[in-house]
Amino acid sequence: SDLLPVLREKDMSIRQLEAEMQRTKEAVEHIWRMLDRMCAMRAPFEGPGDNETNLNLILAKVKKDLAQQEREHVEKKDQYSAFYEMCRHCQAPKSSFRATSSSPPPAAPTAAVPPPQQQQQEQQQQQ
């Protein structure tokens, strides 16, 4: 089907966004560990230094970016799922295929790559 490359591209886009979100989450965890070490090294009653303050500012920006990535991820998954369902239910008109033709009828887009969430559900059902 002509839509199969589009569906694969959409699926790849979602997977790339998921990988980016994972790297951002790891960055947040790394920054938290750095801040914990800085805080532990401070003398009692001593306030945060410039590095710690700057790291807190960076952390806030990275967390804001992660929240934006999560919103985009949900939106893309919803769009992809809706597009996939439309393609799944789309069929070539039977009148466009002549029974006398030696070539097989055009493939319906039902063989398309299912959305990641549906893939996971299908894998869990098989186990």
N, C-alpha and C. Protein backbone atom coordinates (compact mmCIF):
# COMPACT_ATOMS: atom_id res chain seq x y z
N SER A 1 0.84 -1.18 0.00
CA SER A 1 0.00 0.00 0.00
C SER A 1 0.89 1.25 0.00
N ASP A 2 0.37 2.31 -0.58
CA ASP A 2 1.11 3.57 -0.62
C ASP A 2 1.21 4.21 0.76
N LEU A 3 0.36 3.79 1.67
CA LEU A 3 0.36 4.39 3.01
C LEU A 3 1.34 3.73 3.97
N LEU A 4 1.80 2.54 3.63
CA LEU A 4 2.70 1.82 4.52
C LEU A 4 3.96 2.63 4.86
N PRO A 5 4.62 3.27 3.88
CA PRO A 5 5.79 4.09 4.25
C PRO A 5 5.43 5.25 5.19
N VAL A 6 4.27 5.82 5.01
CA VAL A 6 3.83 6.92 5.88
C VAL A 6 3.63 6.40 7.30
N LEU A 7 2.99 5.24 7.41
CA LEU A 7 2.75 4.67 8.74
C LEU A 7 4.07 4.31 9.42
N ARG A 8 4.99 3.76 8.66
CA ARG A 8 6.31 3.43 9.24
C ARG A 8 7.03 4.69 9.69
N GLU A 9 6.94 5.75 8.89
CA GLU A 9 7.60 7.01 9.24
C GLU A 9 6.99 7.59 10.51
N LYS A 10 5.69 7.54 10.63
CA LYS A 10 5.02 8.05 11.83
C LYS A 10 5.45 7.22 13.05
N ASP A 11 5.50 5.91 12.88
CA ASP A 11 5.93 5.04 13.97
C ASP A 11 7.36 5.36 14.37
N MET A 12 8.23 5.56 13.39
CA MET A 12 9.64 5.89 13.68
C MET A 12 9.73 7.24 14.41
N SER A 13 8.92 8.19 14.01
CA SER A 13 8.92 9.50 14.64
C SER A 13 8.55 9.38 16.13
N ILE A 14 7.56 8.55 16.42
CA ILE A 14 7.14 8.34 17.81
C ILE A 14 8.27 7.67 18.59
N ARG A 15 8.90 6.68 17.99
CA ARG A 15 10.00 5.98 18.68
C ARG A 15 11.18 6.92 18.93
N GLN A 16 11.47 7.82 18.00
CA GLN A 16 12.55 8.79 18.20
C GLN A 16 12.21 9.74 19.34
N LEU A 17 10.95 10.16 19.40
CA LEU A 17 10.53 11.05 20.49
C LEU A 17 10.63 10.32 21.83
N GLU A 18 10.27 9.03 21.85
CA GLU A 18 10.39 8.25 23.08
C GLU A 18 11.85 8.13 23.52
N ALA A 19 12.75 7.94 22.56
CA ALA A 19 14.18 7.85 22.88
C ALA A 19 14.68 9.19 23.43
N GLU A 20 14.23 10.28 22.82
CA GLU A 20 14.62 11.61 23.29
C GLU A 20 14.10 11.86 24.70
N MET A 21 12.86 11.44 24.96
CA MET A 21 12.31 11.60 26.31
C MET A 21 13.12 10.80 27.32
N GLN A 22 13.53 9.59 26.95
CA GLN A 22 14.33 8.77 27.86
C GLN A 22 15.66 9.44 28.17
N ARG A 23 16.31 10.00 27.15
CA ARG A 23 17.58 10.70 27.38
C ARG A 23 17.37 11.92 28.27
N THR A 24 16.26 12.62 28.09
CA THR A 24 15.98 13.79 28.91
C THR A 24 15.73 13.38 30.36
N LYS A 25 15.00 12.27 30.56
CA LYS A 25 14.77 11.77 31.92
C LYS A 25 16.09 11.40 32.58
N GLU A 26 16.98 10.78 31.82
CA GLU A 26 18.30 10.44 32.37
C GLU A 26 19.08 11.69 32.74
N ALA A 27 18.95 12.74 31.93
CA ALA A 27 19.63 14.00 32.23
C ALA A 27 19.09 14.61 33.53
N VAL A 28 17.76 14.55 33.70
CA VAL A 28 17.15 15.07 34.93
C VAL A 28 17.69 14.30 36.15
N GLU A 29 17.75 12.98 36.05
CA GLU A 29 18.28 12.17 37.15
C GLU A 29 19.73 12.51 37.44
N HIS A 30 20.53 12.71 36.39
CA HIS A 30 21.94 13.07 36.56
C HIS A 30 22.07 14.42 37.28
N ILE A 31 21.27 15.38 36.86
CA ILE A 31 21.33 16.71 37.49
C ILE A 31 20.92 16.61 38.96
N TRP A 32 19.89 15.81 39.25
CA TRP A 32 19.48 15.63 40.65
C TRP A 32 20.62 15.05 41.48
N ARG A 33 21.32 14.06 40.92
CA ARG A 33 22.44 13.46 41.67
C ARG A 33 23.54 14.50 41.92
N MET A 34 23.81 15.32 40.91
CA MET A 34 24.83 16.36 41.08
C MET A 34 24.41 17.34 42.18
N LEU A 35 23.13 17.74 42.15
CA LEU A 35 22.64 18.68 43.17
C LEU A 35 22.70 18.06 44.57
N ASP A 36 22.37 16.78 44.67
CA ASP A 36 22.46 16.09 45.96
C ASP A 36 23.88 16.11 46.50
N ARG A 37 24.85 15.84 45.61
CA ARG A 37 26.27 15.86 46.03
C ARG A 37 26.68 17.25 46.48
N MET A 38 26.27 18.28 45.72
CA MET A 38 26.63 19.65 46.09
C MET A 38 26.03 20.03 47.43
N CYS A 39 24.78 19.63 47.63
CA CYS A 39 24.10 19.94 48.89
C CYS A 39 24.79 19.23 50.06
N ALA A 40 25.20 17.99 49.84
CA ALA A 40 25.86 17.22 50.90
C ALA A 40 27.23 17.80 51.24
N MET A 41 27.87 18.43 50.28
CA MET A 41 29.22 18.99 50.50
C MET A 41 29.17 20.36 51.16
N ARG A 42 28.01 20.99 51.20
CA ARG A 42 27.88 22.32 51.80
C ARG A 42 27.98 22.24 53.32
N ALA A 43 28.52 23.25 53.89
CA ALA A 43 28.58 23.34 55.36
C ALA A 43 27.17 23.62 55.88
N PRO A 44 26.91 23.21 57.11
CA PRO A 44 25.59 23.50 57.70
C PRO A 44 25.30 25.00 57.67
N PHE A 45 24.09 25.35 57.39
CA PHE A 45 23.62 26.74 57.35
C PHE A 45 24.23 27.54 56.20
N GLU A 46 24.91 26.88 55.28
CA GLU A 46 25.48 27.57 54.12
C GLU A 46 24.49 27.45 52.97
N GLY A 47 24.25 28.54 52.29
CA GLY A 47 23.32 28.53 51.16
C GLY A 47 23.97 27.95 49.91
N PRO A 48 23.18 27.73 48.89
CA PRO A 48 23.73 27.18 47.65
C PRO A 48 24.69 28.16 46.98
N GLY A 49 25.73 27.62 46.36
CA GLY A 49 26.68 28.45 45.63
C GLY A 49 26.17 28.73 44.22
N ASP A 50 26.98 29.46 43.45
CA ASP A 50 26.59 29.82 42.08
C ASP A 50 26.38 28.59 41.20
N ASN A 51 27.27 27.61 41.31
CA ASN A 51 27.13 26.41 40.48
C ASN A 51 25.83 25.67 40.79
N GLU A 52 25.52 25.57 42.06
CA GLU A 52 24.29 24.88 42.46
C GLU A 52 23.05 25.65 41.98
N THR A 53 23.11 26.96 42.10
CA THR A 53 22.00 27.79 41.64
C THR A 53 21.81 27.65 40.13
N ASN A 54 22.93 27.70 39.40
CA ASN A 54 22.85 27.55 37.94
C ASN A 54 22.33 26.16 37.55
N LEU A 55 22.76 25.16 38.27
CA LEU A 55 22.31 23.80 38.00
C LEU A 55 20.80 23.66 38.26
N ASN A 56 20.32 24.34 39.30
CA ASN A 56 18.87 24.34 39.57
C ASN A 56 18.10 25.01 38.44
N LEU A 57 18.66 26.08 37.88
CA LEU A 57 18.02 26.75 36.74
C LEU A 57 18.00 25.84 35.51
N ILE A 58 19.11 25.15 35.29
CA ILE A 58 19.17 24.20 34.17
C ILE A 58 18.16 23.08 34.37
N LEU A 59 18.08 22.58 35.59
CA LEU A 59 17.13 21.51 35.91
C LEU A 59 15.70 21.95 35.59
N ALA A 60 15.35 23.16 35.97
CA ALA A 60 14.00 23.67 35.71
C ALA A 60 13.72 23.70 34.20
N LYS A 61 14.71 24.13 33.41
CA LYS A 61 14.52 24.19 31.95
C LYS A 61 14.41 22.80 31.34
N VAL A 62 15.23 21.87 31.83
CA VAL A 62 15.19 20.51 31.30
C VAL A 62 13.86 19.85 31.65
N LYS A 63 13.37 20.07 32.86
CA LYS A 63 12.08 19.51 33.26
C LYS A 63 10.94 20.10 32.44
N LYS A 64 11.04 21.39 32.13
CA LYS A 64 10.03 22.04 31.29
C LYS A 64 10.06 21.44 29.88
N ASP A 65 11.26 21.20 29.38
CA ASP A 65 11.41 20.57 28.06
C ASP A 65 10.83 19.15 28.07
N LEU A 66 11.06 18.42 29.13
CA LEU A 66 10.53 17.06 29.24
C LEU A 66 9.00 17.08 29.24
N ALA A 67 8.42 18.02 29.95
CA ALA A 67 6.95 18.12 29.97
C ALA A 67 6.42 18.40 28.56
N GLN A 68 7.12 19.26 27.82
CA GLN A 68 6.72 19.56 26.43
C GLN A 68 6.86 18.31 25.56
N GLN A 69 7.92 17.56 25.74
CA GLN A 69 8.13 16.32 24.98
C GLN A 69 7.01 15.33 25.27
N GLU A 70 6.62 15.23 26.54
CA GLU A 70 5.55 14.29 26.92
C GLU A 70 4.23 14.69 26.28
N ARG A 71 3.93 16.01 26.25
CA ARG A 71 2.70 16.47 25.59
C ARG A 71 2.72 16.14 24.10
N GLU A 72 3.86 16.41 23.45
CA GLU A 72 4.00 16.11 22.02
C GLU A 72 3.87 14.61 21.76
N HIS A 73 4.43 13.82 22.65
CA HIS A 73 4.37 12.36 22.50
C HIS A 73 2.92 11.88 22.53
N VAL A 74 2.15 12.35 23.49
CA VAL A 74 0.74 11.96 23.59
C VAL A 74 -0.01 12.40 22.34
N GLU A 75 0.24 13.63 21.91
CA GLU A 75 -0.43 14.16 20.72
C GLU A 75 -0.08 13.33 19.47
N LYS A 76 1.21 13.03 19.28
CA LYS A 76 1.63 12.25 18.12
C LYS A 76 1.05 10.84 18.16
N LYS A 77 1.05 10.22 19.34
CA LYS A 77 0.49 8.87 19.45
C LYS A 77 -1.00 8.88 19.12
N ASP A 78 -1.71 9.89 19.60
CA ASP A 78 -3.14 9.99 19.30
C ASP A 78 -3.36 10.17 17.80
N GLN A 79 -2.58 11.06 17.18
CA GLN A 79 -2.69 11.29 15.74
C GLN A 79 -2.36 10.03 14.96
N TYR A 80 -1.29 9.36 15.37
CA TYR A 80 -0.87 8.14 14.68
C TYR A 80 -1.94 7.06 14.80
N SER A 81 -2.48 6.88 15.99
CA SER A 81 -3.51 5.87 16.20
C SER A 81 -4.74 6.16 15.35
N ALA A 82 -5.15 7.42 15.31
CA ALA A 82 -6.31 7.78 14.49
C ALA A 82 -6.03 7.53 13.01
N PHE A 83 -4.84 7.90 12.55
CA PHE A 83 -4.46 7.70 11.15
C PHE A 83 -4.40 6.21 10.84
N TYR A 84 -3.82 5.44 11.74
CA TYR A 84 -3.72 4.00 11.55
C TYR A 84 -5.11 3.37 11.44
N GLU A 85 -6.01 3.77 12.34
CA GLU A 85 -7.37 3.22 12.30
C GLU A 85 -8.08 3.58 11.00
N MET A 86 -7.88 4.80 10.54
CA MET A 86 -8.48 5.19 9.26
C MET A 86 -7.95 4.30 8.14
N CYS A 87 -6.67 4.05 8.13
CA CYS A 87 -6.06 3.21 7.10
C CYS A 87 -6.52 1.76 7.21
N ARG A 88 -6.67 1.29 8.42
CA ARG A 88 -7.11 -0.08 8.64
C ARG A 88 -8.50 -0.33 8.09
N HIS A 89 -9.35 0.66 8.22
CA HIS A 89 -10.73 0.50 7.80
C HIS A 89 -10.94 0.91 6.35
N CYS A 90 -9.93 1.46 5.74
CA CYS A 90 -10.02 1.89 4.35
C CYS A 90 -9.84 0.66 3.46
N GLN A 91 -10.71 0.49 2.47
CA GLN A 91 -10.61 -0.64 1.55
C GLN A 91 -10.73 -0.11 0.13
N ALA A 92 -10.04 -0.75 -0.78
CA ALA A 92 -10.16 -0.39 -2.19
C ALA A 92 -11.55 -0.79 -2.66
N PRO A 93 -12.22 0.05 -3.47
CA PRO A 93 -13.54 -0.31 -3.97
C PRO A 93 -13.46 -1.59 -4.80
N LYS A 94 -14.40 -2.52 -4.57
CA LYS A 94 -14.38 -3.80 -5.28
C LYS A 94 -14.56 -3.61 -6.78
N SER A 95 -15.24 -2.57 -7.19
CA SER A 95 -15.47 -2.35 -8.61
C SER A 95 -14.18 -1.99 -9.34
N SER A 96 -13.14 -1.60 -8.60
CA SER A 96 -11.89 -1.22 -9.25
C SER A 96 -11.06 -2.44 -9.63
N PHE A 97 -11.46 -3.61 -9.19
CA PHE A 97 -10.73 -4.83 -9.52
C PHE A 97 -11.61 -5.74 -10.35
N ARG A 98 -11.11 -6.12 -11.49
CA ARG A 98 -11.88 -7.01 -12.36
C ARG A 98 -11.51 -8.45 -12.05
N ALA A 99 -12.51 -9.30 -11.91
CA ALA A 99 -12.28 -10.71 -11.58
C ALA A 99 -11.48 -11.42 -12.66
N THR A 100 -11.49 -10.91 -13.86
CA THR A 100 -10.77 -11.55 -14.97
C THR A 100 -9.31 -11.14 -14.98
N SER A 101 -8.93 -10.20 -14.18
CA SER A 101 -7.56 -9.72 -14.16
C SER A 101 -6.63 -10.82 -13.66
N SER A 102 -5.43 -10.88 -14.23
CA SER A 102 -4.45 -11.87 -13.78
C SER A 102 -3.65 -11.39 -12.58
N SER A 103 -3.75 -10.11 -12.29
CA SER A 103 -3.01 -9.59 -11.14
C SER A 103 -3.89 -9.64 -9.90
N PRO A 104 -3.28 -9.79 -8.74
CA PRO A 104 -4.06 -9.86 -7.50
C PRO A 104 -4.68 -8.51 -7.19
N PRO A 105 -5.74 -8.49 -6.39
CA PRO A 105 -6.35 -7.21 -6.01
C PRO A 105 -5.37 -6.39 -5.19
N PRO A 106 -5.52 -5.06 -5.20
CA PRO A 106 -4.61 -4.23 -4.41
C PRO A 106 -4.74 -4.55 -2.93
N ALA A 107 -3.62 -4.54 -2.25
CA ALA A 107 -3.61 -4.86 -0.82
C ALA A 107 -4.26 -3.74 -0.04
N ALA A 108 -5.08 -4.11 0.90
CA ALA A 108 -5.68 -3.12 1.80
C ALA A 108 -4.62 -2.72 2.82
N PRO A 109 -4.67 -1.51 3.34
CA PRO A 109 -3.65 -1.07 4.29
C PRO A 109 -3.75 -1.72 5.66
N THR A 110 -4.48 -2.83 5.77
CA THR A 110 -4.57 -3.50 7.08
C THR A 110 -3.27 -4.15 7.48
N ALA A 111 -2.36 -4.34 6.54
CA ALA A 111 -1.07 -4.95 6.87
C ALA A 111 -0.09 -3.90 7.39
N ALA A 112 -0.58 -2.72 7.64
CA ALA A 112 0.28 -1.62 8.10
C ALA A 112 0.80 -1.91 9.50
N VAL A 113 1.83 -1.21 9.85
CA VAL A 113 2.43 -1.34 11.17
C VAL A 113 1.46 -0.74 12.18
N PRO A 114 1.03 -1.53 13.20
CA PRO A 114 0.11 -0.99 14.19
C PRO A 114 0.81 0.02 15.09
N PRO A 115 0.04 0.88 15.75
CA PRO A 115 0.65 1.84 16.67
C PRO A 115 1.40 1.11 17.77
N PRO A 116 2.43 1.74 18.35
CA PRO A 116 3.25 1.09 19.38
C PRO A 116 2.41 0.52 20.52
N GLN A 117 1.39 1.25 20.95
CA GLN A 117 0.57 0.78 22.06
C GLN A 117 -0.14 -0.52 21.67
N GLN A 118 -0.66 -0.60 20.44
CA GLN A 118 -1.34 -1.81 20.00
C GLN A 118 -0.34 -2.94 19.84
N GLN A 119 0.88 -2.64 19.39
CA GLN A 119 1.92 -3.66 19.26
C GLN A 119 2.21 -4.27 20.63
N GLN A 120 2.32 -3.43 21.64
CA GLN A 120 2.62 -3.91 22.99
C GLN A 120 1.48 -4.79 23.50
N GLN A 121 0.24 -4.38 23.26
CA GLN A 121 -0.90 -5.16 23.71
C GLN A 121 -0.92 -6.52 23.02
N GLU A 122 -0.65 -6.55 21.71
CA GLU A 122 -0.64 -7.80 20.98
C GLU A 122 0.46 -8.72 21.48
N GLN A 123 1.64 -8.16 21.80
CA GLN A 123 2.74 -8.96 22.31
C GLN A 123 2.39 -9.54 23.67
N GLN A 124 1.73 -8.75 24.51
CA GLN A 124 1.34 -9.24 25.83
C GLN A 124 0.31 -10.35 25.73
N GLN A 125 -0.59 -10.25 24.77
CA GLN A 125 -1.60 -11.29 24.59
C GLN A 125 -0.98 -12.58 24.10
N GLN A 126 0.08 -12.51 23.34
CA GLN A 126 0.74 -13.69 22.80
C GLN A 126 1.53 -14.42 23.88
N GLN A 127 1.93 -13.73 24.92
CA GLN A 127 2.76 -14.33 25.97
C GLN A 127 1.97 -15.15 26.92
